[in-house]
C-alpha atoms as a PDB file:
ATOM      1  CA  MET A   1     -71.224  -1.654 -31.532  1.00  0.00           C
ATOM      2  CA  ALA A   2     -71.706  -1.703 -35.130  1.00  0.00           C
ATOM      3  CA  SER A   3     -74.914  -3.095 -35.280  1.00  0.00           C
ATOM      4  CA  MET A   4     -76.317  -0.651 -32.808  1.00  0.00           C
ATOM      5  CA  HIS A   5     -75.960   1.939 -36.051  1.00  0.00           C
ATOM      6  CA  GLY A   6     -77.047   0.018 -38.767  1.00  0.00           C
ATOM      7  CA  GLN A   7     -76.834  -3.197 -40.678  1.00  0.00           C
ATOM      8  CA  VAL A   8     -73.596  -4.744 -40.648  1.00  0.00           C
ATOM      9  CA  ALA A   9     -73.942  -6.379 -43.940  1.00  0.00           C
ATOM     10  CA  HIS A  10     -74.187  -3.086 -45.288  1.00  0.00           C
ATOM     11  CA  LEU A  11     -70.431  -2.843 -44.812  1.00  0.00           C
ATOM     12  CA  LEU A  12     -69.759  -5.687 -47.418  1.00  0.00           C
ATOM     13  CA  ASN A  13     -67.965  -4.545 -50.638  1.00  0.00           C
ATOM     14  CA  PRO A  14     -70.303  -5.262 -53.965  1.00  0.00           C
ATOM     15  CA  HIS A  15     -68.135  -8.185 -54.876  1.00  0.00           C
ATOM     16  CA  TYR A  16     -67.953 -10.257 -51.771  1.00  0.00           C
ATOM     17  CA  LYS A  17     -70.397 -12.703 -53.307  1.00  0.00           C
ATOM     18  CA  ALA A  18     -67.278 -13.834 -55.587  1.00  0.00           C
ATOM     19  CA  ASP A  19     -65.613 -15.014 -52.535  1.00  0.00           C
ATOM     20  CA  VAL A  20     -68.460 -17.657 -52.414  1.00  0.00           C
ATOM     21  CA  THR A  21     -68.201 -18.567 -55.817  1.00  0.00           C
ATOM     22  CA  ARG A  22     -64.612 -19.216 -55.397  1.00  0.00           C
ATOM     23  CA  TRP A  23     -65.323 -21.507 -52.063  1.00  0.00           C
ATOM     24  CA  LEU A  24     -67.443 -23.528 -54.297  1.00  0.00           C
ATOM     25  CA  ALA A  25     -65.101 -23.577 -57.264  1.00  0.00           C
ATOM     26  CA  GLU A  26     -62.139 -25.065 -54.649  1.00  0.00           C
ATOM     27  CA  ASP A  27     -64.606 -27.841 -53.299  1.00  0.00           C
ATOM     28  CA  CYS A  28     -65.864 -28.747 -56.595  1.00  0.00           C
ATOM     29  CA  PRO A  29     -62.940 -28.064 -58.963  1.00  0.00           C
ATOM     30  CA  SER A  30     -64.022 -30.929 -61.979  1.00  0.00           C
ATOM     31  CA  PHE A  31     -66.958 -33.704 -61.115  1.00  0.00           C
ATOM     32  CA  ASP A  32     -69.568 -33.697 -58.809  1.00  0.00           C
ATOM     33  CA  TYR A  33     -70.313 -37.393 -58.358  1.00  0.00           C
ATOM     34  CA  GLY A  34     -72.437 -37.093 -55.139  1.00  0.00           C
ATOM     35  CA  GLY A  35     -74.370 -34.678 -57.057  1.00  0.00           C
ATOM     36  CA  PHE A  36     -74.840 -36.799 -59.820  1.00  0.00           C
ATOM     37  CA  VAL A  37     -76.205 -39.801 -57.335  1.00  0.00           C
ATOM     38  CA  VAL A  38     -79.110 -37.500 -56.055  1.00  0.00           C
ATOM     39  CA  GLY A  39     -79.924 -35.616 -59.125  1.00  0.00           C
ATOM     40  CA  ASP A  40     -82.082 -32.400 -59.534  1.00  0.00           C
ATOM     41  CA  ALA A  41     -85.191 -33.630 -57.653  1.00  0.00           C
ATOM     42  CA  HIS A  42     -86.461 -30.431 -55.450  1.00  0.00           C
ATOM     43  CA  GLY A  43     -85.991 -30.770 -51.697  1.00  0.00           C
ATOM     44  CA  GLU A  44     -85.830 -29.254 -48.473  1.00  0.00           C
ATOM     45  CA  ALA A  45     -82.912 -29.057 -45.641  1.00  0.00           C
ATOM     46  CA  LYS A  46     -82.986 -27.876 -42.087  1.00  0.00           C
ATOM     47  CA  LEU A  47     -79.759 -25.920 -41.348  1.00  0.00           C
ATOM     48  CA  LEU A  48     -79.512 -26.915 -37.279  1.00  0.00           C
ATOM     49  CA  GLY A  49     -77.226 -25.293 -34.800  1.00  0.00           C
ATOM     50  CA  LYS A  50     -75.799 -28.066 -32.802  1.00  0.00           C
ATOM     51  CA  SER A  51     -73.882 -26.072 -29.945  1.00  0.00           C
ATOM     52  CA  ALA A  52     -75.042 -22.818 -28.481  1.00  0.00           C
ATOM     53  CA  GLY A  53     -73.620 -20.082 -30.019  1.00  0.00           C
ATOM     54  CA  ILE A  54     -74.081 -16.150 -31.714  1.00  0.00           C
ATOM     55  CA  LEU A  55     -75.329 -16.660 -35.598  1.00  0.00           C
ATOM     56  CA  ALA A  56     -72.903 -14.572 -37.858  1.00  0.00           C
ATOM     57  CA  GLY A  57     -72.370 -15.034 -41.490  1.00  0.00           C
ATOM     58  CA  VAL A  58     -75.711 -14.731 -42.850  1.00  0.00           C
ATOM     59  CA  PRO A  59     -75.254 -12.531 -46.084  1.00  0.00           C
ATOM     60  CA  PHE A  60     -72.934 -14.851 -47.583  1.00  0.00           C
ATOM     61  CA  PHE A  61     -75.782 -17.048 -48.097  1.00  0.00           C
ATOM     62  CA  ASP A  62     -78.873 -15.144 -47.827  1.00  0.00           C
ATOM     63  CA  GLU A  63     -80.341 -15.670 -51.685  1.00  0.00           C
ATOM     64  CA  VAL A  64     -80.571 -19.411 -51.089  1.00  0.00           C
ATOM     65  CA  VAL A  65     -81.511 -19.611 -47.403  1.00  0.00           C
ATOM     66  CA  GLU A  66     -84.504 -18.676 -45.406  1.00  0.00           C
ATOM     67  CA  TRP A  67     -83.318 -17.901 -41.881  1.00  0.00           C
ATOM     68  CA  HIS A  68     -85.391 -18.313 -38.829  1.00  0.00           C
ATOM     69  CA  ILE A  69     -83.286 -16.612 -36.318  1.00  0.00           C
ATOM     70  CA  SER A  70     -81.723 -13.061 -37.163  1.00  0.00           C
ATOM     71  CA  GLU A  71     -78.050 -12.331 -37.307  1.00  0.00           C
ATOM     72  CA  GLY A  72     -76.664 -11.605 -33.861  1.00  0.00           C
ATOM     73  CA  SER A  73     -79.110 -13.751 -32.239  1.00  0.00           C
ATOM     74  CA  SER A  74     -77.986 -16.505 -29.547  1.00  0.00           C
ATOM     75  CA  PHE A  75     -79.318 -19.490 -29.973  1.00  0.00           C
ATOM     76  CA  SER A  76     -78.916 -23.174 -27.863  1.00  0.00           C
ATOM     77  CA  PRO A  77     -78.666 -26.789 -29.284  1.00  0.00           C
ATOM     78  CA  VAL A  78     -80.157 -28.016 -31.273  1.00  0.00           C
ATOM     79  CA  HIS A  79     -82.049 -24.933 -32.757  1.00  0.00           C
ATOM     80  CA  HIS A  80     -83.626 -24.984 -36.211  1.00  0.00           C
ATOM     81  CA  CYS A  81     -81.691 -21.651 -37.594  1.00  0.00           C
ATOM     82  CA  ALA A  82     -82.820 -21.620 -41.327  1.00  0.00           C
ATOM     83  CA  THR A  83     -84.198 -23.584 -44.197  1.00  0.00           C
ATOM     84  CA  VAL A  84     -82.772 -24.323 -47.280  1.00  0.00           C
ATOM     85  CA  ARG A  85     -84.843 -25.446 -50.736  1.00  0.00           C
ATOM     86  CA  GLY A  86     -84.129 -26.209 -54.277  1.00  0.00           C
ATOM     87  CA  PRO A  87     -82.617 -29.184 -56.319  1.00  0.00           C
ATOM     88  CA  VAL A  88     -80.943 -31.550 -53.686  1.00  0.00           C
ATOM     89  CA  ARG A  89     -77.916 -31.540 -56.025  1.00  0.00           C
ATOM     90  CA  LYS A  90     -77.303 -28.071 -55.390  1.00  0.00           C
ATOM     91  CA  ILE A  91     -78.377 -27.936 -51.726  1.00  0.00           C
ATOM     92  CA  LEU A  92     -75.547 -30.724 -51.112  1.00  0.00           C
ATOM     93  CA  LEU A  93     -73.040 -28.883 -53.316  1.00  0.00           C
ATOM     94  CA  GLY A  94     -72.837 -25.987 -51.241  1.00  0.00           C
ATOM     95  CA  GLU A  95     -73.717 -27.708 -48.144  1.00  0.00           C
ATOM     96  CA  ARG A  96     -69.940 -27.726 -46.706  1.00  0.00           C
ATOM     97  CA  VAL A  97     -68.965 -24.345 -47.881  1.00  0.00           C
ATOM     98  CA  ALA A  98     -71.640 -22.797 -46.195  1.00  0.00           C
ATOM     99  CA  LEU A  99     -71.546 -24.776 -43.047  1.00  0.00           C
ATOM    100  CA  ASN A 100     -67.943 -24.180 -42.702  1.00  0.00           C
ATOM    101  CA  THR A 101     -68.156 -20.686 -43.343  1.00  0.00           C
ATOM    102  CA  LEU A 102     -71.035 -20.078 -40.862  1.00  0.00           C
ATOM    103  CA  ALA A 103     -69.130 -22.476 -38.123  1.00  0.00           C
ATOM    104  CA  ARG A 104     -66.001 -20.214 -38.410  1.00  0.00           C
ATOM    105  CA  CYS A 105     -67.864 -16.681 -38.548  1.00  0.00           C
ATOM    106  CA  SER A 106     -70.286 -17.505 -35.830  1.00  0.00           C
ATOM    107  CA  GLY A 107     -67.259 -18.822 -33.879  1.00  0.00           C
ATOM    108  CA  VAL A 108     -65.448 -15.354 -34.101  1.00  0.00           C
ATOM    109  CA  ALA A 109     -68.531 -13.807 -33.043  1.00  0.00           C
ATOM    110  CA  THR A 110     -69.201 -16.068 -30.182  1.00  0.00           C
ATOM    111  CA  LYS A 111     -65.723 -15.808 -28.776  1.00  0.00           C
ATOM    112  CA  TYR A 112     -65.855 -12.287 -28.213  1.00  0.00           C
ATOM    113  CA  ALA A 113     -69.406 -12.304 -26.874  1.00  0.00           C
ATOM    114  CA  ALA A 114     -69.724 -15.274 -24.497  1.00  0.00           C
ATOM    115  CA  LEU A 115     -68.009 -17.683 -22.107  1.00  0.00           C
ATOM    116  CA  PRO A 116     -67.486 -21.324 -23.589  1.00  0.00           C
ATOM    117  CA  PHE A 117     -69.018 -24.226 -21.825  1.00  0.00           C
ATOM    118  CA  ARG A 118     -66.906 -25.229 -18.854  1.00  0.00           C
ATOM    119  CA  ASN A 119     -68.745 -28.554 -18.308  1.00  0.00           C
ATOM    120  CA  PRO A 120     -68.579 -30.492 -21.191  1.00  0.00           C
ATOM    121  CA  ILE A 121     -70.595 -33.590 -19.303  1.00  0.00           C
ATOM    122  CA  HIS A 122     -73.489 -31.108 -18.283  1.00  0.00           C
ATOM    123  CA  PRO A 123     -73.713 -28.320 -20.965  1.00  0.00           C
ATOM    124  CA  PRO A 124     -75.787 -25.107 -19.683  1.00  0.00           C
ATOM    125  CA  SER A 125     -78.709 -24.123 -21.455  1.00  0.00           C
ATOM    126  CA  LEU A 126     -79.229 -20.980 -23.278  1.00  0.00           C
ATOM    127  CA  THR A 127     -79.946 -18.848 -19.840  1.00  0.00           C
ATOM    128  CA  ASP A 128     -76.777 -20.542 -18.377  1.00  0.00           C
ATOM    129  CA  PHE A 129     -74.675 -19.670 -21.320  1.00  0.00           C
ATOM    130  CA  LEU A 130     -75.640 -15.868 -21.484  1.00  0.00           C
ATOM    131  CA  ALA A 131     -75.419 -15.439 -17.629  1.00  0.00           C
ATOM    132  CA  ARG A 132     -72.082 -16.535 -18.033  1.00  0.00           C
ATOM    133  CA  SER A 133     -71.330 -14.014 -21.006  1.00  0.00           C
ATOM    134  CA  ALA A 134     -67.758 -12.796 -19.242  1.00  0.00           C
ATOM    135  CA  ARG A 135     -65.508 -13.456 -22.254  1.00  0.00           C
ATOM    136  CA  LEU A 136     -63.299 -10.633 -22.978  1.00  0.00           C
ATOM    137  CA  LEU A 137     -65.530  -7.954 -23.324  1.00  0.00           C
ATOM    138  CA  SER A 138     -67.716  -8.572 -20.231  1.00  0.00           C
ATOM    139  CA  LEU A 139     -64.391  -9.363 -18.584  1.00  0.00           C
ATOM    140  CA  VAL A 140     -62.881  -5.943 -19.126  1.00  0.00           C
ATOM    141  CA  ARG A 141     -66.466  -4.084 -18.728  1.00  0.00           C
ATOM    142  CA  ASN A 142     -66.553  -5.811 -15.463  1.00  0.00           C
ATOM    143  CA  ALA A 143     -62.941  -4.608 -14.707  1.00  0.00           C
ATOM    144  CA  GLY A 144     -64.172  -0.896 -15.115  1.00  0.00           C
ATOM    145  CA  TYR A 145     -62.847  -0.769 -18.823  1.00  0.00           C
ATOM    146  CA  THR A 146     -64.876   1.511 -21.192  1.00  0.00           C
ATOM    147  CA  HIS A 147     -62.707   2.010 -24.242  1.00  0.00           C
ATOM    148  CA  THR A 148     -62.104  -0.363 -27.500  1.00  0.00           C
ATOM    149  CA  LEU A 149     -61.619  -3.864 -27.446  1.00  0.00           C
ATOM    150  CA  ALA A 150     -60.170  -5.068 -30.752  1.00  0.00           C
ATOM    151  CA  GLY A 151     -59.263  -7.636 -32.786  1.00  0.00           C
ATOM    152  CA  THR A 152     -56.052  -7.829 -34.905  1.00  0.00           C
ATOM    153  CA  ARG A 153     -54.629  -8.797 -38.710  1.00  0.00           C
ATOM    154  CA  LYS A 154     -53.571 -12.312 -37.639  1.00  0.00           C
ATOM    155  CA  THR A 155     -56.423 -13.654 -39.867  1.00  0.00           C
ATOM    156  CA  THR A 156     -56.689 -16.773 -42.078  1.00  0.00           C
ATOM    157  CA  PRO A 157     -55.662 -15.947 -45.440  1.00  0.00           C
ATOM    158  CA  GLY A 158     -58.242 -15.949 -48.183  1.00  0.00           C
ATOM    159  CA  PHE A 159     -60.740 -15.871 -45.447  1.00  0.00           C
ATOM    160  CA  ARG A 160     -60.194 -12.295 -43.557  1.00  0.00           C
ATOM    161  CA  LEU A 161     -63.644 -10.635 -44.637  1.00  0.00           C
ATOM    162  CA  VAL A 162     -65.505 -13.562 -42.816  1.00  0.00           C
ATOM    163  CA  GLU A 163     -63.465 -13.308 -39.857  1.00  0.00           C
ATOM    164  CA  LYS A 164     -63.351  -9.591 -39.685  1.00  0.00           C
ATOM    165  CA  TYR A 165     -67.140  -9.615 -40.291  1.00  0.00           C
ATOM    166  CA  GLY A 166     -67.690 -11.948 -37.254  1.00  0.00           C
ATOM    167  CA  MET A 167     -65.761  -9.763 -34.972  1.00  0.00           C
ATOM    168  CA  LEU A 168     -68.310  -6.854 -35.924  1.00  0.00           C
ATOM    169  CA  ILE A 169     -71.442  -9.154 -35.402  1.00  0.00           C
ATOM    170  CA  GLY A 170     -69.742 -10.012 -31.964  1.00  0.00           C
ATOM    171  CA  GLY A 171     -69.385  -6.702 -31.109  1.00  0.00           C
ATOM    172  CA  CYS A 172     -65.876  -6.187 -31.339  1.00  0.00           C
ATOM    173  CA  ASP A 173     -63.410  -3.632 -33.202  1.00  0.00           C
ATOM    174  CA  PRO A 174     -62.007  -5.349 -36.186  1.00  0.00           C
ATOM    175  CA  HIS A 175     -58.734  -3.513 -36.084  1.00  0.00           C
ATOM    176  CA  ARG A 176     -56.938  -2.424 -39.491  1.00  0.00           C
ATOM    177  CA  TYR A 177     -58.390  -4.493 -42.248  1.00  0.00           C
ATOM    178  CA  ASP A 178     -55.051  -4.788 -44.191  1.00  0.00           C
ATOM    179  CA  LEU A 179     -51.461  -2.945 -44.984  1.00  0.00           C
ATOM    180  CA  SER A 180     -53.667  -0.132 -46.975  1.00  0.00           C
ATOM    181  CA  THR A 181     -55.970   0.886 -43.825  1.00  0.00           C
ATOM    182  CA  MET A 182     -53.262   2.415 -41.654  1.00  0.00           C
ATOM    183  CA  THR A 183     -49.661   2.106 -41.069  1.00  0.00           C
ATOM    184  CA  MET A 184     -48.472  -0.074 -38.568  1.00  0.00           C
ATOM    185  CA  LEU A 185     -44.411   0.300 -37.857  1.00  0.00           C
ATOM    186  CA  LYS A 186     -43.319  -2.840 -36.038  1.00  0.00           C
ATOM    187  CA  ASP A 187     -39.808  -3.480 -34.985  1.00  0.00           C
ATOM    188  CA  ASN A 188     -38.785  -4.806 -38.410  1.00  0.00           C
ATOM    189  CA  HIS A 189     -39.759  -1.467 -39.707  1.00  0.00           C
ATOM    190  CA  ILE A 190     -37.724   0.441 -37.450  1.00  0.00           C
ATOM    191  CA  TRP A 191     -34.806  -1.813 -37.578  1.00  0.00           C
ATOM    192  CA  ALA A 192     -34.708  -1.528 -41.381  1.00  0.00           C
ATOM    193  CA  CYS A 193     -34.849   2.172 -40.543  1.00  0.00           C
ATOM    194  CA  GLN A 194     -31.260   2.259 -39.003  1.00  0.00           C
ATOM    195  CA  ASN A 195     -33.206   1.528 -35.556  1.00  0.00           C
ATOM    196  CA  SER A 196     -34.631   5.134 -35.825  1.00  0.00           C
ATOM    197  CA  ILE A 197     -38.234   5.524 -34.879  1.00  0.00           C
ATOM    198  CA  THR A 198     -38.333   9.151 -35.960  1.00  0.00           C
ATOM    199  CA  ARG A 199     -37.199   8.431 -39.527  1.00  0.00           C
ATOM    200  CA  ALA A 200     -39.973   5.529 -39.951  1.00  0.00           C
ATOM    201  CA  VAL A 201     -42.730   7.750 -38.517  1.00  0.00           C
ATOM    202  CA  HIS A 202     -41.335  10.672 -41.002  1.00  0.00           C
ATOM    203  CA  ALA A 203     -41.265   8.266 -43.949  1.00  0.00           C
ATOM    204  CA  ALA A 204     -44.831   7.159 -43.345  1.00  0.00           C
ATOM    205  CA  LYS A 205     -46.568  10.353 -42.693  1.00  0.00           C
ATOM    206  CA  ALA A 206     -44.748  11.532 -46.287  1.00  0.00           C
ATOM    207  CA  VAL A 207     -46.534   8.675 -48.184  1.00  0.00           C
ATOM    208  CA  GLY A 208     -49.661   8.577 -46.090  1.00  0.00           C
ATOM    209  CA  GLY A 209     -50.493  11.894 -45.887  1.00  0.00           C
ATOM    210  CA  PHE A 210     -53.088  13.586 -43.346  1.00  0.00           C
ATOM    211  CA  SER A 211     -55.554  10.605 -44.238  1.00  0.00           C
ATOM    212  CA  ILE A 212     -53.741   7.567 -43.162  1.00  0.00           C
ATOM    213  CA  LYS A 213     -52.912   6.937 -39.541  1.00  0.00           C
ATOM    214  CA  VAL A 214     -49.535   5.846 -38.156  1.00  0.00           C
ATOM    215  CA  GLU A 215     -49.085   3.567 -35.452  1.00  0.00           C
ATOM    216  CA  VAL A 216     -45.801   2.573 -33.913  1.00  0.00           C
ATOM    217  CA  GLU A 217     -45.185  -0.736 -31.792  1.00  0.00           C
ATOM    218  CA  CYS A 218     -42.964  -0.168 -28.980  1.00  0.00           C
ATOM    219  CA  GLN A 219     -41.263  -2.066 -26.592  1.00  0.00           C
ATOM    220  CA  SER A 220     -40.648   0.638 -23.712  1.00  0.00           C
ATOM    221  CA  GLU A 221     -42.144   3.910 -22.759  1.00  0.00           C
ATOM    222  CA  GLU A 222     -38.886   5.861 -24.048  1.00  0.00           C
ATOM    223  CA  GLU A 223     -39.794   4.200 -27.578  1.00  0.00           C
ATOM    224  CA  ALA A 224     -43.277   5.396 -27.096  1.00  0.00           C
ATOM    225  CA  GLU A 225     -42.362   8.964 -26.243  1.00  0.00           C
ATOM    226  CA  GLU A 226     -40.258   8.949 -29.262  1.00  0.00           C
ATOM    227  CA  ALA A 227     -43.060   8.121 -31.571  1.00  0.00           C
ATOM    228  CA  ILE A 228     -45.412  10.476 -30.248  1.00  0.00           C
ATOM    229  CA  ARG A 229     -43.113  13.201 -30.640  1.00  0.00           C
ATOM    230  CA  ALA A 230     -42.465  11.998 -34.171  1.00  0.00           C
ATOM    231  CA  GLY A 231     -45.797  12.317 -35.023  1.00  0.00           C
ATOM    232  CA  ALA A 232     -47.684   9.049 -34.645  1.00  0.00           C
ATOM    233  CA  ASP A 233     -51.102   8.829 -34.067  1.00  0.00           C
ATOM    234  CA  VAL A 234     -51.231   5.282 -32.113  1.00  0.00           C
ATOM    235  CA  VAL A 235     -48.402   3.957 -29.883  1.00  0.00           C
ATOM    236  CA  MET A 236     -49.074   0.238 -29.108  1.00  0.00           C
ATOM    237  CA  LEU A 237     -47.382  -0.701 -25.864  1.00  0.00           C
ATOM    238  CA  ASP A 238     -46.414  -4.588 -26.916  1.00  0.00           C
ATOM    239  CA  ASN A 239     -45.737  -7.260 -24.451  1.00  0.00           C
ATOM    240  CA  PHE A 240     -45.619  -5.466 -21.461  1.00  0.00           C
ATOM    241  CA  SER A 241     -46.572  -6.796 -17.997  1.00  0.00           C
ATOM    242  CA  GLY A 242     -49.906  -5.311 -16.595  1.00  0.00           C
ATOM    243  CA  GLU A 243     -48.103  -3.094 -14.059  1.00  0.00           C
ATOM    244  CA  GLY A 244     -46.241  -1.644 -16.727  1.00  0.00           C
ATOM    245  CA  VAL A 245     -48.613  -0.473 -18.944  1.00  0.00           C
ATOM    246  CA  LYS A 246     -50.353   1.090 -16.446  1.00  0.00           C
ATOM    247  CA  VAL A 247     -47.342   2.932 -15.390  1.00  0.00           C
ATOM    248  CA  ALA A 248     -46.519   3.914 -19.023  1.00  0.00           C
ATOM    249  CA  SER A 249     -49.825   4.729 -20.275  1.00  0.00           C
ATOM    250  CA  ARG A 250     -50.296   7.012 -17.043  1.00  0.00           C
ATOM    251  CA  SER A 251     -46.968   8.639 -17.571  1.00  0.00           C
ATOM    252  CA  LEU A 252     -47.307   9.151 -21.167  1.00  0.00           C
ATOM    253  CA  LYS A 253     -50.907  10.671 -21.036  1.00  0.00           C
ATOM    254  CA  GLU A 254     -49.806  13.029 -17.849  1.00  0.00           C
ATOM    255  CA  ARG A 255     -46.435  14.204 -19.490  1.00  0.00           C
ATOM    256  CA  LEU A 256     -47.363  14.470 -23.353  1.00  0.00           C
ATOM    257  CA  ARG A 257     -51.108  14.934 -23.494  1.00  0.00           C
ATOM    258  CA  LYS A 258     -51.985  16.863 -20.595  1.00  0.00           C
ATOM    259  CA  GLY A 259     -48.650  18.641 -20.304  1.00  0.00           C
ATOM    260  CA  GLU A 260     -47.671  19.154 -23.891  1.00  0.00           C
ATOM    261  CA  GLY A 261     -51.135  19.189 -25.558  1.00  0.00           C
ATOM    262  CA  LYS A 262     -50.098  16.145 -28.031  1.00  0.00           C
ATOM    263  CA  GLU A 263     -52.922  14.024 -29.383  1.00  0.00           C
ATOM    264  CA  PHE A 264     -52.282  10.279 -29.410  1.00  0.00           C
ATOM    265  CA  LEU A 265     -53.772   6.857 -28.674  1.00  0.00           C
ATOM    266  CA  ILE A 266     -52.420   4.161 -26.616  1.00  0.00           C
ATOM    267  CA  GLU A 267     -52.980   0.683 -27.875  1.00  0.00           C
ATOM    268  CA  VAL A 268     -51.986  -2.047 -25.665  1.00  0.00           C
ATOM    269  CA  SER A 269     -51.559  -5.680 -27.272  1.00  0.00           C
ATOM    270  CA  GLY A 270     -49.435  -8.958 -26.970  1.00  0.00           C
ATOM    271  CA  GLY A 271     -50.057 -12.417 -25.508  1.00  0.00           C
ATOM    272  CA  LEU A 272     -53.650 -11.129 -24.160  1.00  0.00           C
ATOM    273  CA  THR A 273     -56.357 -13.696 -23.321  1.00  0.00           C
ATOM    274  CA  GLU A 274     -59.359 -13.869 -21.227  1.00  0.00           C
ATOM    275  CA  GLU A 275     -57.054 -15.482 -18.496  1.00  0.00           C
ATOM    276  CA  ASN A 276     -54.953 -12.176 -18.144  1.00  0.00           C
ATOM    277  CA  VAL A 277     -56.763  -9.502 -19.589  1.00  0.00           C
ATOM    278  CA  GLU A 278     -58.241  -7.875 -16.652  1.00  0.00           C
ATOM    279  CA  GLY A 279     -54.688  -7.186 -15.271  1.00  0.00           C
ATOM    280  CA  PHE A 280     -54.229  -4.635 -18.463  1.00  0.00           C
ATOM    281  CA  VAL A 281     -57.515  -2.518 -18.065  1.00  0.00           C
ATOM    282  CA  CYS A 282     -56.661   1.138 -16.921  1.00  0.00           C
ATOM    283  CA  ASP A 283     -58.450   4.421 -18.260  1.00  0.00           C
ATOM    284  CA  ASP A 284     -55.342   5.657 -19.946  1.00  0.00           C
ATOM    285  CA  VAL A 285     -55.364   2.733 -22.424  1.00  0.00           C
ATOM    286  CA  ASP A 286     -57.615   3.426 -25.280  1.00  0.00           C
ATOM    287  CA  ILE A 287     -57.632   0.171 -27.145  1.00  0.00           C
ATOM    288  CA  ILE A 288     -56.870  -3.310 -25.870  1.00  0.00           C
ATOM    289  CA  SER A 289     -56.231  -5.683 -29.188  1.00  0.00           C
ATOM    290  CA  THR A 290     -56.099  -9.527 -28.819  1.00  0.00           C
ATOM    291  CA  SER A 291     -55.739 -12.214 -31.409  1.00  0.00           C
ATOM    292  CA  SER A 292     -57.305 -14.557 -28.972  1.00  0.00           C
ATOM    293  CA  ILE A 293     -61.064 -13.316 -30.469  1.00  0.00           C
ATOM    294  CA  HIS A 294     -60.026 -14.926 -33.807  1.00  0.00           C
ATOM    295  CA  GLN A 295     -57.518 -17.055 -33.515  1.00  0.00           C
ATOM    296  CA  GLY A 296     -57.856 -20.818 -32.014  1.00  0.00           C
ATOM    297  CA  VAL A 297     -61.643 -20.132 -31.794  1.00  0.00           C
ATOM    298  CA  LYS A 298     -63.868 -23.069 -31.307  1.00  0.00           C
ATOM    299  CA  HIS A 299     -66.035 -23.018 -34.365  1.00  0.00           C
ATOM    300  CA  VAL A 300     -70.146 -23.192 -33.638  1.00  0.00           C
ATOM    301  CA  ASP A 301     -71.328 -26.664 -34.711  1.00  0.00           C
ATOM    302  CA  PHE A 302     -73.654 -26.470 -37.260  1.00  0.00           C
ATOM    303  CA  SER A 303     -75.239 -29.530 -39.351  1.00  0.00           C
ATOM    304  CA  LEU A 304     -77.717 -29.607 -42.703  1.00  0.00           C
ATOM    305  CA  LYS A 305     -80.237 -32.407 -42.514  1.00  0.00           C
ATOM    306  CA  ILE A 306     -82.274 -33.197 -45.714  1.00  0.00           C
ATOM    307  CA  VAL A 307     -86.180 -33.408 -44.599  1.00  0.00           C
ATOM    308  CA  HIS A 308     -87.069 -36.934 -45.767  1.00  0.00           C
END
């Protein structure tokens, strides 16, 4: 977990605040009519967490917010998470951008870390919330899995930094950040190379050099073996059944790693959710990746209330 080794915020690039400026420009491209109404009188507002969750996204608004809980902390509703002070016009100008960003980022972090409420009529307390923390990570840990649980690159365009940051705050491996981070050869790449995995891997290695890993999406154990023999660093067993994953990963590790000394990692992906992930757990799988960590995630509900 990244936060065990330092401040996750220190990973952010020097120009990430430009994203915030761009979001504000998108929300107010011309006149701020509501801002004219309230003017520049000094005011104070409370940021309230209205649904249980884990706070993530703090660095995007650090300069203008006094936080009362630290990033990565859990809270139960209704919780006073932060206070904002300044001209009322400016507080309200940034309100929706801030709430949307925190809601999405915190939602991703919370999705990874804890179970959702199952009873909307009687929502649990924070103690219940944490006690039922069996979503994804705890599911696979309880099933005996000790390796990596990762997200994917299926993020929202223009909002990838926030979603990847949320994965890190929630304790998840964010997977590759973009096309330049690692070479991922999927079925379309292979088909475009005359359906030759070997040819595709050799081409990727030729341009990526020693520093860029190559991963190949495989539909069978035979494809995975070809990719490993061609020099792939990671093979993804894509859309296998749970039993198929266990059989193929065990065979590949026994024959090619133990038998021939080849170094490679096995990733499993494709349709994995809270409901089925336990069936894919085995010691021979190095990475379990799923977009359910960040796609279709329920946002954490925040609101901003001006103090009267």
